[in-house]
Structures are given as structure tokens and as C-alpha cells.
Amino acid sequence: MKKLVFILMVSIGLFSCKNEPKEKGVNLEESRAKSYDQNDGLVTMKGEFLYDADKKAAVFQTPNEIYGVVVNDNMHLLNEKVKAFKADEYTSVPVTIRVKRIENTDQAILWDNILEVKDILKVEAPDPNKKDVVKLAN
């Protein structure tokens, strides 16, 4: 009887173990979905990003508005990711980012609202057929 109980306990123990494969790496789509749903005061925005290193100024343009961007480590990281898609220094690149929207109080900055980049979700290649760049010539 003891042997039967022992075999029964061992078999229950073996069959109750789950063999789940361990997840390797981070699922980007899952983390993007989580970032849209978080209630942390950050805003997910999609638009075009441009950084002028000479003037140390960055802008982010949505279809409705243009924002100044705080120049910090996250902005520089975004700029490094964007460089691969730039045809020239004034090419704006489509990105999806999570930002903290800040009302501008600095009179030297021309934008009403400025953005502080907190998370980079997606960087895309610009549309090669888009003809909205104005180049000045003498």
C-alpha cells in the first residue's frame, strides 16, 4: 500500500510540472502595446523628427503641430537611430516615441509646448516619394 501511495505521489508530481519554454529576448510588439496602455503621464506620439547639430535644436512635427524637443541623452539616442535613414542633414524621419509634454516657459524657445523624449518605440524609413522638402539656392 505504501508503494502504491508513493508511486501515485511521484506520478502526480511529474505530471503537474509545466514544461514552458523560456522566453528569449524582449517581444517588441508586446512592449509597444504595454507602453500605449500605461497610465504614467507620458504620451505616445507619431510624427517626424529632425535634429540640427549645428544649432543644437531638435523639432518634432505631427500632422497638426510642431514641438521643440529637449536636448538630452534620450534625444541623442533617437538621433543616432534616425541617422541611418537620413538622405541629408535636413531629412525628417518618421518616429513613434513616448514623451512628456511640457509647457514652455523659456522666452528663448519659440515653441508653445516642448517634448522630453522618454522612450523610443519605432523609427521608420522616410517615404522616398514625398516631395515636401524646400531647398534654397542662390
N, C-alpha and C. Protein backbone atom coordinates (compact mmCIF):
# COMPACT_ATOMS: atom_id res chain seq x y z
N MET A 1 0.82 -1.19 0.00
CA MET A 1 0.00 0.00 0.00
C MET A 1 0.87 1.25 0.00
N LYS A 2 1.96 1.24 0.79
CA LYS A 2 2.86 2.39 0.84
C LYS A 2 3.52 2.63 -0.51
N LYS A 3 3.87 1.52 -1.20
CA LYS A 3 4.48 1.65 -2.52
C LYS A 3 3.50 2.29 -3.51
N LEU A 4 2.24 1.91 -3.43
CA LEU A 4 1.21 2.45 -4.32
C LEU A 4 1.02 3.95 -4.08
N VAL A 5 0.97 4.38 -2.82
CA VAL A 5 0.84 5.80 -2.49
C VAL A 5 2.07 6.57 -2.96
N PHE A 6 3.25 5.96 -2.78
CA PHE A 6 4.49 6.62 -3.19
C PHE A 6 4.53 6.80 -4.72
N ILE A 7 4.15 5.76 -5.46
CA ILE A 7 4.13 5.84 -6.92
C ILE A 7 3.10 6.86 -7.37
N LEU A 8 1.96 6.88 -6.72
CA LEU A 8 0.91 7.85 -7.05
C LEU A 8 1.39 9.29 -6.81
N MET A 9 2.08 9.54 -5.72
CA MET A 9 2.58 10.89 -5.41
C MET A 9 3.66 11.31 -6.41
N VAL A 10 4.56 10.39 -6.75
CA VAL A 10 5.62 10.71 -7.71
C VAL A 10 5.01 11.01 -9.08
N SER A 11 4.03 10.20 -9.52
CA SER A 11 3.43 10.43 -10.83
C SER A 11 2.66 11.75 -10.86
N ILE A 12 1.97 12.09 -9.79
CA ILE A 12 1.27 13.39 -9.72
C ILE A 12 2.27 14.53 -9.78
N GLY A 13 3.38 14.37 -9.07
CA GLY A 13 4.42 15.40 -9.08
C GLY A 13 5.02 15.60 -10.45
N LEU A 14 5.25 14.52 -11.19
CA LEU A 14 5.85 14.63 -12.52
C LEU A 14 4.89 15.22 -13.54
N PHE A 15 3.64 14.82 -13.47
CA PHE A 15 2.67 15.31 -14.45
C PHE A 15 2.21 16.74 -14.18
N SER A 16 2.37 17.20 -12.98
CA SER A 16 1.92 18.56 -12.68
C SER A 16 2.96 19.61 -13.05
N CYS A 17 4.19 19.20 -13.35
CA CYS A 17 5.23 20.16 -13.77
C CYS A 17 4.94 20.64 -15.18
N LYS A 18 5.07 21.93 -15.38
CA LYS A 18 4.86 22.50 -16.71
C LYS A 18 6.20 22.62 -17.41
N ASN A 19 6.21 22.33 -18.67
CA ASN A 19 7.41 22.47 -19.48
C ASN A 19 7.22 23.64 -20.43
N GLU A 20 7.31 24.85 -19.91
CA GLU A 20 7.15 26.04 -20.72
C GLU A 20 8.52 26.49 -21.19
N PRO A 21 8.66 26.78 -22.47
CA PRO A 21 9.95 27.28 -22.94
C PRO A 21 10.20 28.69 -22.40
N LYS A 22 11.44 28.95 -22.05
CA LYS A 22 11.78 30.27 -21.54
C LYS A 22 11.84 31.25 -22.69
N GLU A 23 11.34 32.44 -22.44
CA GLU A 23 11.30 33.48 -23.46
C GLU A 23 12.68 34.09 -23.62
N LYS A 24 13.17 34.08 -24.85
CA LYS A 24 14.48 34.66 -25.13
C LYS A 24 14.27 36.03 -25.77
N GLY A 25 14.91 37.03 -25.22
CA GLY A 25 14.78 38.37 -25.76
C GLY A 25 13.50 39.04 -25.32
N VAL A 26 13.30 40.22 -25.81
CA VAL A 26 12.12 41.01 -25.47
C VAL A 26 11.21 41.07 -26.68
N ASN A 27 9.94 40.82 -26.48
CA ASN A 27 8.96 40.92 -27.55
C ASN A 27 8.62 42.40 -27.74
N LEU A 28 9.10 42.99 -28.84
CA LEU A 28 8.93 44.43 -29.06
C LEU A 28 7.48 44.82 -29.22
N GLU A 29 6.71 43.99 -29.93
CA GLU A 29 5.30 44.32 -30.13
C GLU A 29 4.55 44.34 -28.80
N GLU A 30 4.89 43.39 -27.94
CA GLU A 30 4.23 43.35 -26.63
C GLU A 30 4.61 44.56 -25.78
N SER A 31 5.88 44.94 -25.82
CA SER A 31 6.30 46.10 -25.03
C SER A 31 5.72 47.39 -25.59
N ARG A 32 5.55 47.46 -26.91
CA ARG A 32 4.91 48.64 -27.51
C ARG A 32 3.46 48.73 -27.07
N ALA A 33 2.77 47.59 -27.08
CA ALA A 33 1.37 47.59 -26.67
C ALA A 33 1.25 48.02 -25.21
N LYS A 34 2.15 47.55 -24.37
CA LYS A 34 2.11 47.96 -22.97
C LYS A 34 2.35 49.45 -22.82
N SER A 35 3.25 49.99 -23.63
CA SER A 35 3.58 51.40 -23.48
C SER A 35 2.41 52.29 -23.88
N TYR A 36 1.56 51.84 -24.79
CA TYR A 36 0.39 52.62 -25.16
C TYR A 36 -0.63 52.64 -24.02
N ASP A 37 -0.65 51.58 -23.22
CA ASP A 37 -1.68 51.43 -22.20
C ASP A 37 -1.28 51.96 -20.84
N GLN A 38 -0.04 52.29 -20.64
CA GLN A 38 0.40 52.72 -19.32
C GLN A 38 -0.25 54.05 -18.94
N ASN A 39 -0.48 54.21 -17.66
CA ASN A 39 -1.05 55.45 -17.16
C ASN A 39 0.02 56.15 -16.32
N ASP A 40 1.10 56.56 -16.98
CA ASP A 40 2.24 57.15 -16.28
C ASP A 40 2.45 58.62 -16.61
N GLY A 41 1.48 59.23 -17.28
CA GLY A 41 1.59 60.64 -17.61
C GLY A 41 2.33 60.91 -18.91
N LEU A 42 2.88 59.87 -19.53
CA LEU A 42 3.57 60.04 -20.80
C LEU A 42 2.58 59.89 -21.94
N VAL A 43 2.92 60.49 -23.08
CA VAL A 43 2.05 60.46 -24.25
C VAL A 43 2.80 59.78 -25.38
N THR A 44 2.13 58.89 -26.10
CA THR A 44 2.72 58.27 -27.28
C THR A 44 2.37 59.14 -28.48
N MET A 45 3.40 59.53 -29.24
CA MET A 45 3.18 60.41 -30.38
C MET A 45 3.89 59.86 -31.61
N LYS A 46 3.26 60.05 -32.75
CA LYS A 46 3.84 59.65 -34.02
C LYS A 46 3.99 60.90 -34.87
N GLY A 47 5.18 61.08 -35.42
CA GLY A 47 5.44 62.25 -36.24
C GLY A 47 6.82 62.17 -36.84
N GLU A 48 7.34 63.31 -37.24
CA GLU A 48 8.65 63.36 -37.88
C GLU A 48 9.63 64.13 -37.00
N PHE A 49 10.83 63.58 -36.90
CA PHE A 49 11.87 64.12 -36.02
C PHE A 49 13.02 64.67 -36.85
N LEU A 50 13.55 65.82 -36.40
CA LEU A 50 14.70 66.43 -37.05
C LEU A 50 15.57 67.09 -35.99
N TYR A 51 16.89 66.85 -36.08
CA TYR A 51 17.84 67.45 -35.15
C TYR A 51 18.91 68.17 -35.96
N ASP A 52 19.16 69.43 -35.62
CA ASP A 52 20.21 70.23 -36.24
C ASP A 52 21.35 70.34 -35.23
N ALA A 53 22.43 69.59 -35.48
CA ALA A 53 23.55 69.54 -34.54
C ALA A 53 24.26 70.89 -34.44
N ASP A 54 24.31 71.65 -35.54
CA ASP A 54 24.99 72.95 -35.53
C ASP A 54 24.29 73.93 -34.58
N LYS A 55 22.98 73.94 -34.62
CA LYS A 55 22.21 74.85 -33.77
C LYS A 55 21.81 74.21 -32.45
N LYS A 56 22.09 72.91 -32.29
CA LYS A 56 21.72 72.15 -31.10
C LYS A 56 20.24 72.32 -30.78
N ALA A 57 19.43 72.11 -31.84
CA ALA A 57 17.98 72.25 -31.72
C ALA A 57 17.31 71.06 -32.39
N ALA A 58 16.25 70.56 -31.75
CA ALA A 58 15.50 69.44 -32.30
C ALA A 58 14.03 69.81 -32.34
N VAL A 59 13.35 69.31 -33.38
CA VAL A 59 11.91 69.54 -33.50
C VAL A 59 11.22 68.22 -33.81
N PHE A 60 9.96 68.16 -33.41
CA PHE A 60 9.11 67.01 -33.68
C PHE A 60 7.82 67.54 -34.27
N GLN A 61 7.46 67.06 -35.47
CA GLN A 61 6.29 67.56 -36.17
C GLN A 61 5.24 66.47 -36.31
N THR A 62 4.04 66.77 -35.83
CA THR A 62 2.88 65.90 -36.05
C THR A 62 2.07 66.53 -37.18
N PRO A 63 1.03 65.87 -37.66
CA PRO A 63 0.22 66.50 -38.71
C PRO A 63 -0.41 67.82 -38.29
N ASN A 64 -0.57 68.06 -36.98
CA ASN A 64 -1.27 69.25 -36.51
C ASN A 64 -0.39 70.30 -35.85
N GLU A 65 0.80 69.91 -35.38
CA GLU A 65 1.58 70.84 -34.57
C GLU A 65 3.07 70.52 -34.66
N ILE A 66 3.88 71.53 -34.34
CA ILE A 66 5.32 71.35 -34.27
C ILE A 66 5.76 71.64 -32.83
N TYR A 67 6.62 70.76 -32.30
CA TYR A 67 7.10 70.88 -30.93
C TYR A 67 8.61 71.03 -30.92
N GLY A 68 9.12 71.78 -29.96
CA GLY A 68 10.54 71.75 -29.68
C GLY A 68 10.84 70.52 -28.86
N VAL A 69 12.05 69.98 -28.94
CA VAL A 69 12.42 68.78 -28.21
C VAL A 69 13.58 69.11 -27.28
N VAL A 70 13.48 68.67 -26.03
CA VAL A 70 14.54 68.86 -25.05
C VAL A 70 15.76 68.05 -25.50
N VAL A 71 16.92 68.69 -25.58
CA VAL A 71 18.15 68.01 -25.98
C VAL A 71 18.72 67.33 -24.73
N ASN A 72 18.60 65.99 -24.70
CA ASN A 72 19.12 65.20 -23.59
C ASN A 72 19.63 63.87 -24.14
N ASP A 73 19.97 62.93 -23.26
CA ASP A 73 20.53 61.65 -23.70
C ASP A 73 19.56 60.85 -24.56
N ASN A 74 18.28 60.83 -24.20
CA ASN A 74 17.29 60.09 -25.00
C ASN A 74 17.11 60.71 -26.38
N MET A 75 17.18 62.02 -26.46
CA MET A 75 17.08 62.68 -27.77
C MET A 75 18.29 62.32 -28.63
N HIS A 76 19.48 62.28 -28.03
CA HIS A 76 20.67 61.90 -28.78
C HIS A 76 20.60 60.44 -29.23
N LEU A 77 20.04 59.56 -28.40
CA LEU A 77 19.85 58.17 -28.77
C LEU A 77 18.89 58.07 -29.95
N LEU A 78 17.81 58.83 -29.92
CA LEU A 78 16.86 58.87 -31.03
C LEU A 78 17.56 59.38 -32.29
N ASN A 79 18.36 60.40 -32.16
CA ASN A 79 19.08 60.95 -33.31
C ASN A 79 20.02 59.91 -33.92
N GLU A 80 20.68 59.10 -33.09
CA GLU A 80 21.56 58.05 -33.61
C GLU A 80 20.78 57.02 -34.41
N LYS A 81 19.57 56.67 -33.96
CA LYS A 81 18.74 55.70 -34.67
C LYS A 81 18.21 56.30 -35.98
N VAL A 82 17.99 57.59 -35.98
CA VAL A 82 17.43 58.27 -37.15
C VAL A 82 18.49 58.47 -38.24
N LYS A 83 19.75 58.59 -37.87
CA LYS A 83 20.82 58.87 -38.83
C LYS A 83 20.88 57.86 -39.97
N ALA A 84 20.54 56.62 -39.71
CA ALA A 84 20.60 55.58 -40.75
C ALA A 84 19.61 55.85 -41.88
N PHE A 85 18.56 56.62 -41.63
CA PHE A 85 17.52 56.87 -42.62
C PHE A 85 17.62 58.24 -43.29
N LYS A 86 18.58 59.05 -42.90
CA LYS A 86 18.67 60.41 -43.44
C LYS A 86 19.40 60.45 -44.77
N ALA A 87 18.81 61.13 -45.74
CA ALA A 87 19.44 61.34 -47.04
C ALA A 87 20.37 62.55 -46.97
N ASP A 88 19.97 63.57 -46.22
CA ASP A 88 20.83 64.73 -45.97
C ASP A 88 20.54 65.22 -44.56
N GLU A 89 21.21 66.28 -44.14
CA GLU A 89 21.08 66.71 -42.75
C GLU A 89 19.71 67.26 -42.39
N TYR A 90 18.89 67.63 -43.38
CA TYR A 90 17.57 68.18 -43.09
C TYR A 90 16.43 67.23 -43.43
N THR A 91 16.73 65.95 -43.54
CA THR A 91 15.68 64.95 -43.76
C THR A 91 15.00 64.66 -42.43
N SER A 92 13.69 64.81 -42.39
CA SER A 92 12.95 64.46 -41.19
C SER A 92 12.50 63.01 -41.32
N VAL A 93 12.58 62.27 -40.22
CA VAL A 93 12.35 60.83 -40.24
C VAL A 93 11.12 60.50 -39.37
N PRO A 94 10.20 59.66 -39.87
CA PRO A 94 9.03 59.26 -39.08
C PRO A 94 9.43 58.39 -37.88
N VAL A 95 8.94 58.77 -36.72
CA VAL A 95 9.22 58.03 -35.48
C VAL A 95 7.96 57.95 -34.64
N THR A 96 7.93 56.96 -33.76
CA THR A 96 6.90 56.86 -32.74
C THR A 96 7.63 56.84 -31.41
N ILE A 97 7.30 57.81 -30.56
CA ILE A 97 8.01 57.97 -29.29
C ILE A 97 7.03 58.21 -28.16
N ARG A 98 7.50 57.93 -26.94
CA ARG A 98 6.74 58.28 -25.73
C ARG A 98 7.42 59.49 -25.14
N VAL A 99 6.63 60.50 -24.84
CA VAL A 99 7.19 61.78 -24.41
C VAL A 99 6.45 62.34 -23.21
N LYS A 100 7.12 63.25 -22.56
CA LYS A 100 6.49 64.06 -21.53
C LYS A 100 6.29 65.43 -22.15
N ARG A 101 5.05 65.87 -22.22
CA ARG A 101 4.72 67.17 -22.80
C ARG A 101 4.87 68.24 -21.72
N ILE A 102 5.64 69.29 -22.03
CA ILE A 102 5.93 70.34 -21.07
C ILE A 102 5.52 71.68 -21.68
N GLU A 103 4.85 72.50 -20.89
CA GLU A 103 4.50 73.84 -21.36
C GLU A 103 5.75 74.71 -21.30
N ASN A 104 6.02 75.42 -22.36
CA ASN A 104 7.24 76.22 -22.46
C ASN A 104 7.12 77.50 -21.62
N THR A 105 8.12 77.74 -20.79
CA THR A 105 8.18 78.98 -20.02
C THR A 105 9.42 79.80 -20.38
N ASP A 106 10.29 79.24 -21.20
CA ASP A 106 11.53 79.91 -21.62
C ASP A 106 11.24 80.78 -22.85
N GLN A 107 11.47 82.07 -22.72
CA GLN A 107 11.19 83.00 -23.82
C GLN A 107 12.13 82.81 -25.01
N ALA A 108 13.29 82.19 -24.79
CA ALA A 108 14.25 81.98 -25.87
C ALA A 108 13.78 80.87 -26.82
N ILE A 109 12.93 79.98 -26.33
CA ILE A 109 12.41 78.89 -27.16
C ILE A 109 11.10 79.36 -27.78
N LEU A 110 10.97 79.19 -29.09
CA LEU A 110 9.82 79.73 -29.82
C LEU A 110 8.56 78.88 -29.73
N TRP A 111 8.66 77.63 -29.33
CA TRP A 111 7.52 76.73 -29.33
C TRP A 111 6.69 76.89 -28.06
N ASP A 112 5.36 76.75 -28.20
CA ASP A 112 4.47 76.82 -27.04
C ASP A 112 4.66 75.62 -26.12
N ASN A 113 4.80 74.45 -26.72
CA ASN A 113 5.00 73.21 -25.96
C ASN A 113 6.31 72.56 -26.39
N ILE A 114 6.97 71.96 -25.45
CA ILE A 114 8.18 71.22 -25.77
C ILE A 114 8.00 69.79 -25.27
N LEU A 115 8.76 68.88 -25.87
CA LEU A 115 8.66 67.46 -25.55
C LEU A 115 9.97 66.96 -24.98
N GLU A 116 9.88 66.10 -23.99
CA GLU A 116 11.05 65.42 -23.46
C GLU A 116 10.90 63.94 -23.82
N VAL A 117 11.80 63.42 -24.65
CA VAL A 117 11.73 62.04 -25.11
C VAL A 117 12.05 61.11 -23.94
N LYS A 118 11.13 60.17 -23.68
CA LYS A 118 11.32 59.20 -22.60
C LYS A 118 11.57 57.79 -23.13
N ASP A 119 10.96 57.45 -24.28
CA ASP A 119 11.08 56.10 -24.81
C ASP A 119 10.94 56.14 -26.33
N ILE A 120 11.75 55.37 -27.02
CA ILE A 120 11.70 55.28 -28.48
C ILE A 120 11.02 53.97 -28.84
N LEU A 121 9.87 54.07 -29.50
CA LEU A 121 9.12 52.87 -29.85
C LEU A 121 9.42 52.38 -31.25
N LYS A 122 9.55 53.31 -32.21
CA LYS A 122 9.70 52.89 -33.59
C LYS A 122 10.36 53.99 -34.41
N VAL A 123 11.28 53.60 -35.29
CA VAL A 123 11.90 54.52 -36.24
C VAL A 123 11.69 53.91 -37.62
N GLU A 124 11.13 54.70 -38.54
CA GLU A 124 10.81 54.20 -39.87
C GLU A 124 11.58 54.96 -40.93
N ALA A 125 11.69 54.35 -42.08
CA ALA A 125 12.33 55.00 -43.22
C ALA A 125 11.38 56.05 -43.80
N PRO A 126 11.89 57.21 -44.18
CA PRO A 126 11.03 58.23 -44.80
C PRO A 126 10.51 57.76 -46.16
N ASP A 127 9.36 58.28 -46.55
CA ASP A 127 8.78 57.95 -47.85
C ASP A 127 9.62 58.61 -48.94
N PRO A 128 10.21 57.82 -49.85
CA PRO A 128 11.06 58.42 -50.89
C PRO A 128 10.28 59.25 -51.90
N ASN A 129 8.96 59.04 -52.00
CA ASN A 129 8.14 59.79 -52.95
C ASN A 129 7.61 61.10 -52.39
N LYS A 130 7.87 61.35 -51.14
CA LYS A 130 7.38 62.57 -50.50
C LYS A 130 8.23 63.75 -50.96
N LYS A 131 7.58 64.77 -51.45
CA LYS A 131 8.28 65.93 -52.01
C LYS A 131 7.95 67.20 -51.24
N ASP A 132 8.12 67.19 -49.93
CA ASP A 132 7.76 68.38 -49.15
C ASP A 132 8.99 69.10 -48.61
N VAL A 133 10.18 68.79 -49.12
CA VAL A 133 11.40 69.46 -48.67
C VAL A 133 11.67 70.64 -49.58
N VAL A 134 11.88 71.80 -48.98
CA VAL A 134 12.20 73.00 -49.74
C VAL A 134 13.68 73.28 -49.57
N LYS A 135 14.40 73.33 -50.69
CA LYS A 135 15.84 73.62 -50.64
C LYS A 135 16.06 74.99 -51.25
N LEU A 136 16.81 75.83 -50.56
CA LEU A 136 17.11 77.16 -51.02
C LEU A 136 18.40 77.17 -51.84
N ALA A 137 18.41 77.95 -52.89
CA ALA A 137 19.59 78.06 -53.72
C ALA A 137 19.76 79.52 -54.12
N ASN A 138 21.00 79.91 -54.40
CA ASN A 138 21.26 81.30 -54.80
C ASN A 138 21.09 81.48 -56.27
